Amino acid sequence: MKVLVFGATGKVGRLTVDAALAAGHAVTAFARSPDRLAPRPGLTPFTGDVTKASDVADAMTGQDVVILTFGAPVNRRTILQDTDICESGTRNAVAAMQEAGTPRLIATTSIGVGDSAGRSER
């Protein structure tokens, strides 16, 4: 299966990439700096910004499943108010999936956990 992982260089993204490769899938690692991942068989790095619809659409071609592992930046004291990454990134991914006919979506989130409790409404 061809798997597109958004946020591939983050903590959850790296684990997701590792698991997908271990399961024998071909993985496209979408990130602003995918070169932070070690090259491996079955791994295709893709440099892009999830808030740019054209980047997301370019990565979507031929994918069987999309896994969203990106999130808003967090510092040690508070969750930052900039949620554009999650909102526009998810919107762009779903739109590109519909256009490309990609049938499967897996999304991870931690909204509602710890200091983010109550921040899921806008």
N, C-alpha and C. Protein backbone atom coordinates (compact mmCIF):
# COMPACT_ATOMS: atom_id res chain seq x y z
N MET A 1 0.84 -1.17 0.00
CA MET A 1 0.00 0.00 0.00
C MET A 1 0.89 1.24 0.00
N LYS A 2 0.45 2.29 -0.67
CA LYS A 2 1.18 3.57 -0.71
C LYS A 2 0.58 4.48 0.36
N VAL A 3 1.43 4.88 1.32
CA VAL A 3 0.99 5.64 2.48
C VAL A 3 1.64 7.02 2.48
N LEU A 4 0.83 8.05 2.62
CA LEU A 4 1.32 9.42 2.70
C LEU A 4 1.19 9.87 4.15
N VAL A 5 2.33 10.19 4.78
CA VAL A 5 2.34 10.62 6.18
C VAL A 5 2.65 12.12 6.23
N PHE A 6 1.69 12.90 6.69
CA PHE A 6 1.89 14.33 6.90
C PHE A 6 2.44 14.54 8.31
N GLY A 7 3.43 15.40 8.43
CA GLY A 7 4.07 15.62 9.72
C GLY A 7 5.06 14.52 10.05
N ALA A 8 5.70 14.00 9.04
CA ALA A 8 6.52 12.80 9.17
C ALA A 8 7.76 12.95 10.04
N THR A 9 8.19 14.18 10.31
CA THR A 9 9.40 14.35 11.12
C THR A 9 9.12 14.65 12.58
N GLY A 10 7.85 14.75 12.95
CA GLY A 10 7.50 14.96 14.35
C GLY A 10 7.60 13.65 15.13
N LYS A 11 7.33 13.72 16.42
CA LYS A 11 7.44 12.54 17.27
C LYS A 11 6.51 11.41 16.81
N VAL A 12 5.24 11.72 16.65
CA VAL A 12 4.27 10.70 16.21
C VAL A 12 4.52 10.35 14.75
N GLY A 13 4.86 11.33 13.95
CA GLY A 13 5.12 11.09 12.53
C GLY A 13 6.26 10.11 12.31
N ARG A 14 7.35 10.25 13.04
CA ARG A 14 8.48 9.33 12.90
C ARG A 14 8.09 7.90 13.26
N LEU A 15 7.33 7.76 14.34
CA LEU A 15 6.87 6.42 14.73
C LEU A 15 5.93 5.83 13.68
N THR A 16 5.10 6.68 13.11
CA THR A 16 4.17 6.24 12.07
C THR A 16 4.93 5.79 10.82
N VAL A 17 5.91 6.58 10.41
CA VAL A 17 6.74 6.20 9.26
C VAL A 17 7.43 4.87 9.53
N ASP A 18 8.02 4.72 10.69
CA ASP A 18 8.71 3.47 11.04
C ASP A 18 7.76 2.27 10.98
N ALA A 19 6.57 2.42 11.55
CA ALA A 19 5.61 1.33 11.57
C ALA A 19 5.13 0.97 10.17
N ALA A 20 4.87 1.97 9.36
CA ALA A 20 4.40 1.72 7.99
C ALA A 20 5.48 1.02 7.17
N LEU A 21 6.72 1.46 7.29
CA LEU A 21 7.82 0.81 6.57
C LEU A 21 8.01 -0.62 7.06
N ALA A 22 7.94 -0.83 8.37
CA ALA A 22 8.10 -2.17 8.93
C ALA A 22 7.00 -3.12 8.45
N ALA A 23 5.84 -2.56 8.16
CA ALA A 23 4.72 -3.37 7.65
C ALA A 23 4.82 -3.61 6.15
N GLY A 24 5.85 -3.05 5.52
CA GLY A 24 6.07 -3.29 4.10
C GLY A 24 5.42 -2.30 3.16
N HIS A 25 4.93 -1.19 3.69
CA HIS A 25 4.28 -0.18 2.85
C HIS A 25 5.31 0.76 2.22
N ALA A 26 4.96 1.34 1.10
CA ALA A 26 5.75 2.41 0.48
C ALA A 26 5.27 3.71 1.12
N VAL A 27 6.19 4.47 1.71
CA VAL A 27 5.82 5.65 2.49
C VAL A 27 6.36 6.92 1.85
N THR A 28 5.47 7.89 1.67
CA THR A 28 5.86 9.24 1.29
C THR A 28 5.83 10.07 2.56
N ALA A 29 6.99 10.60 2.94
CA ALA A 29 7.13 11.38 4.17
C ALA A 29 7.03 12.86 3.84
N PHE A 30 5.89 13.45 4.11
CA PHE A 30 5.62 14.86 3.82
C PHE A 30 5.99 15.68 5.05
N ALA A 31 6.88 16.65 4.86
CA ALA A 31 7.30 17.51 5.97
C ALA A 31 7.99 18.74 5.40
N ARG A 32 8.14 19.75 6.23
CA ARG A 32 8.88 20.94 5.79
C ARG A 32 10.35 20.59 5.58
N SER A 33 10.87 19.66 6.38
CA SER A 33 12.28 19.25 6.28
C SER A 33 12.39 17.73 6.34
N PRO A 34 11.93 17.03 5.30
CA PRO A 34 11.97 15.57 5.34
C PRO A 34 13.38 15.00 5.36
N ASP A 35 14.38 15.83 5.04
CA ASP A 35 15.76 15.37 5.09
C ASP A 35 16.20 15.04 6.52
N ARG A 36 15.37 15.38 7.52
CA ARG A 36 15.67 15.01 8.90
C ARG A 36 15.43 13.52 9.15
N LEU A 37 14.83 12.84 8.19
CA LEU A 37 14.62 11.39 8.28
C LEU A 37 15.76 10.67 7.56
N ALA A 38 16.22 9.59 8.15
CA ALA A 38 17.28 8.80 7.51
C ALA A 38 16.72 8.12 6.26
N PRO A 39 17.47 8.14 5.16
CA PRO A 39 17.02 7.45 3.95
C PRO A 39 16.89 5.94 4.22
N ARG A 40 15.84 5.35 3.71
CA ARG A 40 15.60 3.91 3.85
C ARG A 40 14.85 3.40 2.64
N PRO A 41 14.98 2.12 2.34
CA PRO A 41 14.19 1.55 1.25
C PRO A 41 12.70 1.71 1.54
N GLY A 42 11.96 2.10 0.54
CA GLY A 42 10.52 2.27 0.68
C GLY A 42 10.10 3.66 1.12
N LEU A 43 11.06 4.52 1.45
CA LEU A 43 10.75 5.87 1.95
C LEU A 43 11.05 6.91 0.88
N THR A 44 10.04 7.72 0.58
CA THR A 44 10.20 8.82 -0.36
C THR A 44 9.96 10.13 0.37
N PRO A 45 10.98 10.97 0.50
CA PRO A 45 10.78 12.27 1.16
C PRO A 45 10.04 13.22 0.24
N PHE A 46 9.19 14.07 0.83
CA PHE A 46 8.46 15.08 0.08
C PHE A 46 8.48 16.36 0.88
N THR A 47 9.10 17.39 0.33
CA THR A 47 9.17 18.68 1.01
C THR A 47 7.93 19.49 0.68
N GLY A 48 7.22 19.93 1.72
CA GLY A 48 6.04 20.73 1.48
C GLY A 48 5.52 21.37 2.74
N ASP A 49 4.54 22.23 2.55
CA ASP A 49 3.87 22.94 3.64
C ASP A 49 2.41 22.53 3.60
N VAL A 50 1.93 21.93 4.66
CA VAL A 50 0.57 21.40 4.69
C VAL A 50 -0.48 22.51 4.59
N THR A 51 -0.10 23.75 4.86
CA THR A 51 -1.05 24.86 4.73
C THR A 51 -1.16 25.36 3.29
N LYS A 52 -0.36 24.80 2.38
CA LYS A 52 -0.43 25.16 0.96
C LYS A 52 -1.10 24.04 0.19
N ALA A 53 -2.29 24.31 -0.30
CA ALA A 53 -3.09 23.30 -0.98
C ALA A 53 -2.34 22.66 -2.15
N SER A 54 -1.56 23.45 -2.88
CA SER A 54 -0.84 22.89 -4.03
C SER A 54 0.22 21.89 -3.61
N ASP A 55 0.91 22.12 -2.49
CA ASP A 55 1.89 21.15 -1.99
C ASP A 55 1.20 19.84 -1.63
N VAL A 56 0.09 19.96 -0.93
CA VAL A 56 -0.66 18.77 -0.49
C VAL A 56 -1.17 17.99 -1.70
N ALA A 57 -1.73 18.68 -2.67
CA ALA A 57 -2.25 18.03 -3.87
C ALA A 57 -1.14 17.32 -4.65
N ASP A 58 0.03 17.95 -4.73
CA ASP A 58 1.15 17.33 -5.45
C ASP A 58 1.59 16.02 -4.80
N ALA A 59 1.52 15.94 -3.49
CA ALA A 59 1.94 14.72 -2.78
C ALA A 59 0.90 13.62 -2.83
N MET A 60 -0.35 13.97 -3.11
CA MET A 60 -1.46 13.03 -3.00
C MET A 60 -1.54 12.02 -4.15
N THR A 61 -1.01 12.34 -5.29
CA THR A 61 -1.16 11.50 -6.48
C THR A 61 -0.71 10.06 -6.22
N GLY A 62 -1.61 9.12 -6.47
CA GLY A 62 -1.28 7.70 -6.37
C GLY A 62 -1.28 7.10 -4.97
N GLN A 63 -1.67 7.87 -3.95
CA GLN A 63 -1.65 7.36 -2.58
C GLN A 63 -2.89 6.52 -2.29
N ASP A 64 -2.72 5.52 -1.42
CA ASP A 64 -3.85 4.67 -1.00
C ASP A 64 -4.43 5.09 0.34
N VAL A 65 -3.59 5.65 1.18
CA VAL A 65 -4.03 6.06 2.52
C VAL A 65 -3.23 7.29 2.94
N VAL A 66 -3.89 8.16 3.70
CA VAL A 66 -3.26 9.36 4.24
C VAL A 66 -3.30 9.28 5.75
N ILE A 67 -2.18 9.60 6.37
CA ILE A 67 -2.12 9.65 7.84
C ILE A 67 -1.68 11.05 8.24
N LEU A 68 -2.52 11.72 9.02
CA LEU A 68 -2.22 13.07 9.50
C LEU A 68 -1.61 12.97 10.89
N THR A 69 -0.36 13.43 11.03
CA THR A 69 0.28 13.41 12.35
C THR A 69 0.78 14.79 12.74
N PHE A 70 0.42 15.82 11.94
CA PHE A 70 0.89 17.16 12.25
C PHE A 70 0.08 17.74 13.40
N GLY A 71 0.61 18.81 13.99
CA GLY A 71 -0.10 19.49 15.06
C GLY A 71 0.41 20.90 15.23
N ALA A 72 -0.32 21.68 15.99
CA ALA A 72 0.11 23.04 16.30
C ALA A 72 1.33 22.99 17.20
N PRO A 73 2.26 23.90 17.01
CA PRO A 73 3.45 23.91 17.85
C PRO A 73 3.11 24.05 19.33
N VAL A 74 3.89 23.42 20.17
CA VAL A 74 3.68 23.46 21.61
C VAL A 74 4.98 23.91 22.27
N ASN A 75 4.86 24.83 23.23
CA ASN A 75 6.04 25.10 24.04
C ASN A 75 5.80 24.50 25.42
N ARG A 76 6.71 24.62 26.30
CA ARG A 76 6.61 23.92 27.59
C ARG A 76 5.54 24.49 28.51
N ARG A 77 5.11 25.71 28.28
CA ARG A 77 4.14 26.32 29.20
C ARG A 77 2.70 26.31 28.68
N THR A 78 2.53 26.55 27.39
CA THR A 78 1.17 26.67 26.86
C THR A 78 1.09 26.15 25.44
N ILE A 79 -0.10 25.85 25.03
CA ILE A 79 -0.37 25.53 23.63
C ILE A 79 -0.47 26.87 22.89
N LEU A 80 0.24 27.02 21.80
CA LEU A 80 0.17 28.26 21.04
C LEU A 80 -1.20 28.40 20.39
N GLN A 81 -1.62 29.62 20.19
CA GLN A 81 -2.95 29.88 19.64
C GLN A 81 -3.04 29.63 18.14
N ASP A 82 -1.91 29.54 17.44
CA ASP A 82 -1.93 29.35 15.99
C ASP A 82 -2.34 27.93 15.65
N THR A 83 -3.58 27.75 15.26
CA THR A 83 -4.07 26.43 14.90
C THR A 83 -4.21 26.27 13.39
N ASP A 84 -3.67 27.20 12.63
CA ASP A 84 -3.80 27.15 11.18
C ASP A 84 -3.23 25.86 10.60
N ILE A 85 -2.20 25.34 11.21
CA ILE A 85 -1.61 24.09 10.73
C ILE A 85 -2.65 22.98 10.75
N CYS A 86 -3.33 22.82 11.86
CA CYS A 86 -4.33 21.76 11.97
C CYS A 86 -5.55 22.02 11.09
N GLU A 87 -6.06 23.22 11.14
CA GLU A 87 -7.28 23.53 10.39
C GLU A 87 -7.07 23.50 8.89
N SER A 88 -6.13 24.29 8.41
CA SER A 88 -5.95 24.34 6.95
C SER A 88 -5.28 23.07 6.44
N GLY A 89 -4.41 22.47 7.23
CA GLY A 89 -3.77 21.22 6.82
C GLY A 89 -4.77 20.10 6.62
N THR A 90 -5.69 19.97 7.56
CA THR A 90 -6.72 18.93 7.44
C THR A 90 -7.64 19.24 6.27
N ARG A 91 -8.04 20.48 6.15
CA ARG A 91 -8.91 20.90 5.03
C ARG A 91 -8.22 20.60 3.69
N ASN A 92 -6.95 20.96 3.57
CA ASN A 92 -6.21 20.72 2.33
C ASN A 92 -6.07 19.23 2.03
N ALA A 93 -5.79 18.44 3.06
CA ALA A 93 -5.63 17.00 2.86
C ALA A 93 -6.93 16.36 2.39
N VAL A 94 -8.04 16.69 3.03
CA VAL A 94 -9.33 16.11 2.64
C VAL A 94 -9.71 16.52 1.22
N ALA A 95 -9.52 17.79 0.88
CA ALA A 95 -9.83 18.25 -0.48
C ALA A 95 -8.97 17.53 -1.51
N ALA A 96 -7.68 17.39 -1.24
CA ALA A 96 -6.78 16.70 -2.18
C ALA A 96 -7.14 15.22 -2.28
N MET A 97 -7.53 14.62 -1.17
CA MET A 97 -7.95 13.21 -1.21
C MET A 97 -9.18 13.04 -2.09
N GLN A 98 -10.15 13.92 -1.95
CA GLN A 98 -11.36 13.84 -2.76
C GLN A 98 -11.03 14.00 -4.24
N GLU A 99 -10.16 14.95 -4.55
CA GLU A 99 -9.77 15.19 -5.94
C GLU A 99 -9.02 14.00 -6.53
N ALA A 100 -8.13 13.39 -5.74
CA ALA A 100 -7.30 12.29 -6.23
C ALA A 100 -7.98 10.92 -6.10
N GLY A 101 -9.08 10.88 -5.37
CA GLY A 101 -9.76 9.59 -5.16
C GLY A 101 -9.07 8.71 -4.12
N THR A 102 -8.33 9.32 -3.20
CA THR A 102 -7.67 8.57 -2.13
C THR A 102 -8.72 8.22 -1.08
N PRO A 103 -8.94 6.92 -0.82
CA PRO A 103 -10.10 6.53 -0.03
C PRO A 103 -9.94 6.47 1.49
N ARG A 104 -8.73 6.46 2.02
CA ARG A 104 -8.56 6.21 3.45
C ARG A 104 -7.83 7.33 4.15
N LEU A 105 -8.35 7.73 5.33
CA LEU A 105 -7.74 8.78 6.14
C LEU A 105 -7.64 8.31 7.58
N ILE A 106 -6.45 8.50 8.15
CA ILE A 106 -6.23 8.26 9.57
C ILE A 106 -5.71 9.57 10.13
N ALA A 107 -6.34 10.08 11.19
CA ALA A 107 -5.92 11.35 11.78
C ALA A 107 -5.66 11.16 13.26
N THR A 108 -4.56 11.76 13.72
CA THR A 108 -4.23 11.74 15.15
C THR A 108 -4.42 13.13 15.70
N THR A 109 -4.78 13.22 16.97
CA THR A 109 -4.94 14.51 17.62
C THR A 109 -4.75 14.36 19.12
N SER A 110 -4.37 15.43 19.75
CA SER A 110 -4.30 15.43 21.21
C SER A 110 -5.14 16.58 21.78
N ILE A 111 -6.01 17.16 20.95
CA ILE A 111 -6.87 18.23 21.43
C ILE A 111 -7.72 17.69 22.59
N GLY A 112 -7.75 18.43 23.65
CA GLY A 112 -8.51 18.02 24.84
C GLY A 112 -7.61 17.41 25.91
N VAL A 113 -6.33 17.21 25.60
CA VAL A 113 -5.42 16.61 26.55
C VAL A 113 -4.62 17.72 27.23
N GLY A 114 -4.45 17.62 28.54
CA GLY A 114 -3.61 18.57 29.28
C GLY A 114 -4.07 20.01 29.11
N ASP A 115 -3.11 20.90 28.81
CA ASP A 115 -3.40 22.33 28.68
C ASP A 115 -4.28 22.68 27.48
N SER A 116 -4.50 21.73 26.58
CA SER A 116 -5.33 22.03 25.41
C SER A 116 -6.81 21.84 25.67
N ALA A 117 -7.19 21.37 26.85
CA ALA A 117 -8.59 21.16 27.19
C ALA A 117 -9.36 22.46 26.96
N GLY A 118 -10.47 22.36 26.25
CA GLY A 118 -11.31 23.51 26.00
C GLY A 118 -10.88 24.38 24.83
N ARG A 119 -9.82 24.01 24.13
CA ARG A 119 -9.33 24.83 23.03
C ARG A 119 -9.78 24.29 21.67
N SER A 120 -10.62 23.31 21.65
CA SER A 120 -11.02 22.72 20.37
C SER A 120 -12.15 23.48 19.70
N GLU A 121 -12.73 24.46 20.38
CA GLU A 121 -13.79 25.26 19.79
C GLU A 121 -13.23 26.58 19.33
N ARG A 122 -13.78 27.09 18.27
CA ARG A 122 -13.38 28.41 17.77
C ARG A 122 -14.54 29.29 17.60
